[in-house]
Every structure is written in C-alpha cells, then in structure tokens.
Amino acid sequence: MIKIDADEPDKALIQYVADRIRSGEVVAVPTDTFYGLAVDPVNLRAVDRVYEIKARHRHKPLSLIIGHADQADDLAHDLPDDFHRLAHKFWPGPLTMIVKASSNLPMRVTANTGNVALRVPASKIALALLTATGFPVTATSANISGESECSTAHSVFEQLGDRIPLIVDGGRSPRDVASTIIDLTDVNVGWKMVREGAIPEQQIRDVIS
C-alpha cells in the first residue's frame, strides 16, 4: 500500500504507480466515487487479471476513466450531441456514459458488446495517473463482484489484499454513492438511465431537454 495525498499528489509517487500500471500490473486507485482497479485496457493479460481478481462475469464490460472529454473521440464513434452536452456539464464528475466503442478497444474490454463506458473523474490522483500513464485506464470498482464497493484503501485491502500487488491510499472517497450511468448507444431511444447514482436523473433530463 502506498499513500498519496488526495489534494497534492506527489509526482514521484504518481509516476511510480503509473509505471506499475504500464508494466501490466493491476493497481487499486481512489476516484471521486469508490476505489477502482486500474490497468492498461489494451493489455489483454492485465484485463483478464481484473476479471479474475473480481470474480467478474466475462460478459460484463469494464468501464474506463479518461483525462478529458476529447479522449473519447479515440475510444468511441458516432458520439451523439447529448454526449457532448452532458460531458460539458458534468465532467469531471460522477457521470459514466456508455457509448459505441471504436475498433481501437479490445473486445475483452467491451465484453463483445461493441460499447464502452467512459468517465472523467473529479479526482486529482486519478487525473494525475492518467497524465502519467499517457492512456486511459480501467476503473471498475475495486471489490469482489457482489460485495460492497470500497470507500477506503483499508476496505480494498480487506477484500483484495491477497489478490493485487498495489493499493494507492488516497484517503476516504469524497462520496459514498456510485456514479450515475446512462446509455447513449441507441439513436432511436436517445438515452437511457442504467443506474441513478451521484447525479440525479432529473439533472440529466434538465441538460438534455
């Protein structure tokens, strides 16, 4: 476990963690919601390891965090206008948007759905790691599937301490509610609420309407 200040992340420590992710390791990192498991999404061995660590079904895709909305253009295609409106309003923040994945992403990340879930987190540690790695990383919750999400590094250690090589302790998560997830992949439907979390559905409607 390595402790990094959530308000002023140490650059040397961030680089150390980024190098571990680049080398193919699975690292638990804090976000602005719960702790997540970060790996290079194009490293298929690392992606497989995430599914093994979480005991997660392979038909469930992994969400990705990105450093800024412009990166979505490399990971998705046919982004609707609603995506840009919502990104401008809520990113960085606890809104995850499911969009059509580009061919740049391995099918193992998308779980053969053709879709990808993206978010820009309002977390200085997570954003610093994204800058240091130079690529998006996975951010599926750092817990065993079916168990409670983790708001502290200690909780991650209790669940996954014997399964992962490194946990970044960035203190307690600033909120104990998961991100809101919406699906923007069906042009006929427009948008669909998958999970109402930190951002209420009405706020989504206010932006899109």
Protein backbone atom coordinates (compact mmCIF):
# COMPACT_ATOMS: atom_id res chain seq x y z
CA MET A 1 0.00 0.00 0.00
CA ILE A 2 1.28 3.45 -0.91
CA LYS A 3 -0.19 6.66 0.49
CA ILE A 4 -0.67 9.66 -1.83
CA ASP A 5 -2.14 12.99 -0.78
CA ALA A 6 -5.51 13.45 -2.47
CA ASP A 7 -5.16 17.23 -2.71
CA GLU A 8 -1.50 17.47 -3.72
CA PRO A 9 -0.41 14.17 -5.30
CA ASP A 10 3.34 13.65 -5.19
CA LYS A 11 4.64 13.48 -8.77
CA ALA A 12 7.28 10.87 -8.00
CA LEU A 13 4.76 8.57 -6.33
CA ILE A 14 2.29 9.08 -9.17
CA GLN A 15 5.00 8.17 -11.69
CA TYR A 16 5.85 5.06 -9.67
CA VAL A 17 2.22 3.92 -9.75
CA ALA A 18 1.90 4.78 -13.44
CA ASP A 19 4.97 2.67 -14.22
CA ARG A 20 3.41 -0.28 -12.39
CA ILE A 21 0.24 0.08 -14.47
CA ARG A 22 2.31 0.40 -17.64
CA SER A 23 4.14 -2.81 -16.76
CA GLY A 24 0.84 -4.70 -16.75
CA GLU A 25 0.02 -4.77 -13.05
CA VAL A 26 -3.42 -4.25 -11.51
CA VAL A 27 -3.50 -1.29 -9.12
CA ALA A 28 -6.33 -0.18 -6.85
CA VAL A 29 -6.71 3.60 -7.05
CA PRO A 30 -9.06 6.16 -5.49
CA THR A 31 -11.54 8.08 -7.61
CA ASP A 32 -14.19 10.64 -6.71
CA THR A 33 -16.64 7.80 -6.00
CA PHE A 34 -15.31 4.40 -4.94
CA TYR A 35 -11.86 2.86 -5.33
CA GLY A 36 -11.30 1.24 -8.72
CA LEU A 37 -8.99 -1.29 -10.36
CA ALA A 38 -6.72 0.36 -12.90
CA VAL A 39 -4.98 -1.44 -15.76
CA ASP A 40 -3.94 -0.66 -19.30
CA PRO A 41 -7.09 -1.55 -21.30
CA VAL A 42 -5.12 -2.80 -24.32
CA ASN A 43 -3.01 -5.16 -22.19
CA LEU A 44 -5.18 -8.26 -22.51
CA ARG A 45 -3.37 -10.17 -19.78
CA ALA A 46 -3.96 -7.30 -17.35
CA VAL A 47 -7.62 -7.08 -18.38
CA ASP A 48 -8.03 -10.81 -17.81
CA ARG A 49 -6.48 -10.42 -14.39
CA VAL A 50 -9.10 -7.82 -13.42
CA TYR A 51 -11.89 -10.28 -14.22
CA GLU A 52 -10.10 -12.96 -12.19
CA ILE A 53 -9.48 -10.68 -9.20
CA LYS A 54 -13.11 -9.56 -9.06
CA ALA A 55 -14.56 -12.98 -9.98
CA ARG A 56 -16.49 -10.94 -12.54
CA HIS A 57 -18.53 -12.46 -15.36
CA ARG A 58 -16.80 -12.03 -18.72
CA HIS A 59 -19.97 -10.74 -20.39
CA LYS A 60 -19.80 -7.56 -18.28
CA PRO A 61 -17.64 -4.84 -19.89
CA LEU A 62 -15.14 -2.76 -17.93
CA SER A 63 -15.54 0.99 -17.55
CA LEU A 64 -12.69 3.36 -18.42
CA ILE A 65 -11.63 6.68 -16.97
CA ILE A 66 -10.14 9.32 -19.26
CA GLY A 67 -8.33 12.56 -18.60
CA HIS A 68 -10.61 14.83 -20.63
CA ALA A 69 -13.64 14.56 -22.89
CA ASP A 70 -11.60 14.93 -26.09
CA GLN A 71 -10.08 11.48 -25.48
CA ALA A 72 -13.50 9.94 -26.07
CA ASP A 73 -13.02 10.54 -29.79
CA ASP A 74 -10.28 7.89 -29.86
CA LEU A 75 -12.27 5.35 -27.85
CA ALA A 76 -15.74 5.75 -29.31
CA HIS A 77 -17.51 6.57 -32.56
CA ASP A 78 -20.79 8.18 -33.54
CA LEU A 79 -20.85 10.22 -30.34
CA PRO A 80 -24.26 11.91 -30.10
CA ASP A 81 -24.79 15.58 -29.30
CA ASP A 82 -26.17 14.57 -25.90
CA PHE A 83 -22.78 13.10 -25.01
CA HIS A 84 -21.06 16.43 -25.55
CA ARG A 85 -23.74 18.35 -23.65
CA LEU A 86 -23.51 16.05 -20.65
CA ALA A 87 -19.72 15.92 -20.71
CA HIS A 88 -19.56 19.71 -20.72
CA LYS A 89 -21.96 19.90 -17.76
CA PHE A 90 -20.84 17.02 -15.52
CA TRP A 91 -17.22 16.16 -16.33
CA PRO A 92 -15.04 15.89 -14.38
CA GLY A 93 -17.56 14.20 -12.13
CA PRO A 94 -19.60 11.10 -11.27
CA LEU A 95 -21.30 10.53 -14.62
CA THR A 96 -20.48 7.41 -16.63
CA MET A 97 -21.68 7.36 -20.23
CA ILE A 98 -21.98 4.19 -22.30
CA VAL A 99 -21.23 4.85 -25.96
CA LYS A 100 -20.34 2.86 -29.06
CA ALA A 101 -16.75 1.65 -28.82
CA SER A 102 -14.19 2.29 -31.53
CA SER A 103 -12.18 -0.51 -33.10
CA ASN A 104 -9.17 0.66 -31.06
CA LEU A 105 -10.50 -1.12 -27.98
CA PRO A 106 -10.05 -4.87 -27.48
CA MET A 107 -13.25 -6.90 -27.41
CA ARG A 108 -12.31 -8.21 -23.97
CA VAL A 109 -12.71 -4.71 -22.54
CA THR A 110 -16.09 -4.25 -24.19
CA ALA A 111 -17.10 -7.86 -23.41
CA ASN A 112 -18.08 -8.20 -27.08
CA THR A 113 -20.89 -5.66 -26.61
CA GLY A 114 -19.42 -3.11 -29.00
CA ASN A 115 -19.90 -0.50 -26.28
CA VAL A 116 -17.66 1.23 -23.77
CA ALA A 117 -18.41 3.15 -20.55
CA LEU A 118 -16.40 6.36 -20.12
CA ARG A 119 -15.93 8.88 -17.33
CA VAL A 120 -13.66 11.78 -16.41
CA PRO A 121 -13.25 11.58 -12.62
CA ALA A 122 -13.01 14.62 -10.36
CA SER A 123 -10.02 13.14 -8.54
CA LYS A 124 -6.57 14.72 -8.59
CA ILE A 125 -4.88 11.36 -8.02
CA ALA A 126 -6.78 9.63 -10.82
CA LEU A 127 -6.24 12.51 -13.25
CA ALA A 128 -2.54 12.68 -12.40
CA LEU A 129 -2.22 8.94 -13.06
CA LEU A 130 -3.94 9.32 -16.41
CA THR A 131 -1.48 12.05 -17.35
CA ALA A 132 1.49 9.98 -16.19
CA THR A 133 0.44 6.80 -17.98
CA GLY A 134 -0.50 8.63 -21.15
CA PHE A 135 -3.53 6.44 -21.78
CA PRO A 136 -6.99 5.73 -20.33
CA VAL A 137 -7.23 3.06 -17.64
CA THR A 138 -9.95 0.76 -16.40
CA ALA A 139 -11.86 1.87 -13.33
CA THR A 140 -14.21 -0.97 -12.46
CA SER A 141 -14.87 -0.97 -8.72
CA ALA A 142 -12.14 -2.47 -6.53
CA ASN A 143 -14.19 -5.20 -4.91
CA ILE A 144 -15.22 -8.80 -5.41
CA SER A 145 -18.31 -8.92 -7.63
CA GLY A 146 -21.41 -8.92 -5.47
CA GLU A 147 -19.63 -7.45 -2.46
CA SER A 148 -19.83 -3.84 -1.29
CA GLU A 149 -17.79 -1.15 -3.04
CA CYS A 150 -14.80 0.25 -1.18
CA SER A 151 -14.54 3.83 0.08
CA THR A 152 -11.12 3.38 1.71
CA ALA A 153 -7.85 1.69 0.88
CA HIS A 154 -8.25 -0.42 4.02
CA SER A 155 -11.56 -1.79 2.71
CA VAL A 156 -9.85 -2.68 -0.56
CA PHE A 157 -7.12 -4.46 1.37
CA GLU A 158 -9.69 -6.46 3.35
CA GLN A 159 -11.35 -7.70 0.16
CA LEU A 160 -8.49 -7.89 -2.34
CA GLY A 161 -5.25 -7.58 -0.38
CA ASP A 162 -4.07 -11.05 -1.33
CA ARG A 163 -5.05 -10.63 -4.99
CA ILE A 164 -3.47 -7.37 -6.11
CA PRO A 165 0.14 -6.12 -5.86
CA LEU A 166 -0.50 -2.45 -5.10
CA ILE A 167 -3.16 -0.27 -3.45
CA VAL A 168 -2.98 3.53 -3.58
CA ASP A 169 -4.27 5.02 -0.34
CA GLY A 170 -5.78 8.40 -1.20
CA GLY A 171 -7.92 8.62 1.91
CA ARG A 172 -11.66 8.14 2.15
CA SER A 173 -13.67 8.66 -1.01
CA PRO A 174 -15.32 12.12 -1.11
CA ARG A 175 -18.73 10.48 -1.65
CA ASP A 176 -20.23 7.09 -0.86
CA VAL A 177 -22.55 6.92 -3.86
CA ALA A 178 -21.57 5.35 -7.17
CA SER A 179 -21.52 7.29 -10.41
CA THR A 180 -24.70 7.68 -12.41
CA ILE A 181 -24.64 5.54 -15.57
CA ILE A 182 -26.53 6.38 -18.74
CA ASP A 183 -26.62 4.55 -22.07
CA LEU A 184 -26.31 6.62 -25.24
CA THR A 185 -25.85 3.80 -27.74
CA ASP A 186 -29.39 3.62 -29.14
CA VAL A 187 -30.04 6.51 -31.51
CA ASN A 188 -33.73 5.65 -31.62
CA VAL A 189 -34.17 5.79 -27.84
CA GLY A 190 -31.82 8.73 -27.31
CA TRP A 191 -30.65 8.00 -23.78
CA LYS A 192 -31.48 5.51 -21.07
CA MET A 193 -30.82 5.55 -17.33
CA VAL A 194 -28.86 2.45 -16.33
CA ARG A 195 -28.09 3.43 -12.74
CA GLU A 196 -29.09 6.55 -10.86
CA GLY A 197 -26.19 7.44 -8.62
CA ALA A 198 -24.47 10.62 -7.52
CA ILE A 199 -26.16 12.69 -10.24
CA PRO A 200 -29.98 12.56 -10.04
CA GLU A 201 -31.91 11.62 -13.18
CA GLN A 202 -33.70 14.97 -13.21
CA GLN A 203 -30.39 16.80 -13.62
CA ILE A 204 -29.69 14.66 -16.69
CA ARG A 205 -33.11 15.49 -18.10
CA ASP A 206 -32.59 19.20 -17.45
CA VAL A 207 -29.45 19.20 -19.61
CA ILE A 208 -30.81 17.08 -22.45
CA SER A 209 -34.31 18.51 -22.70
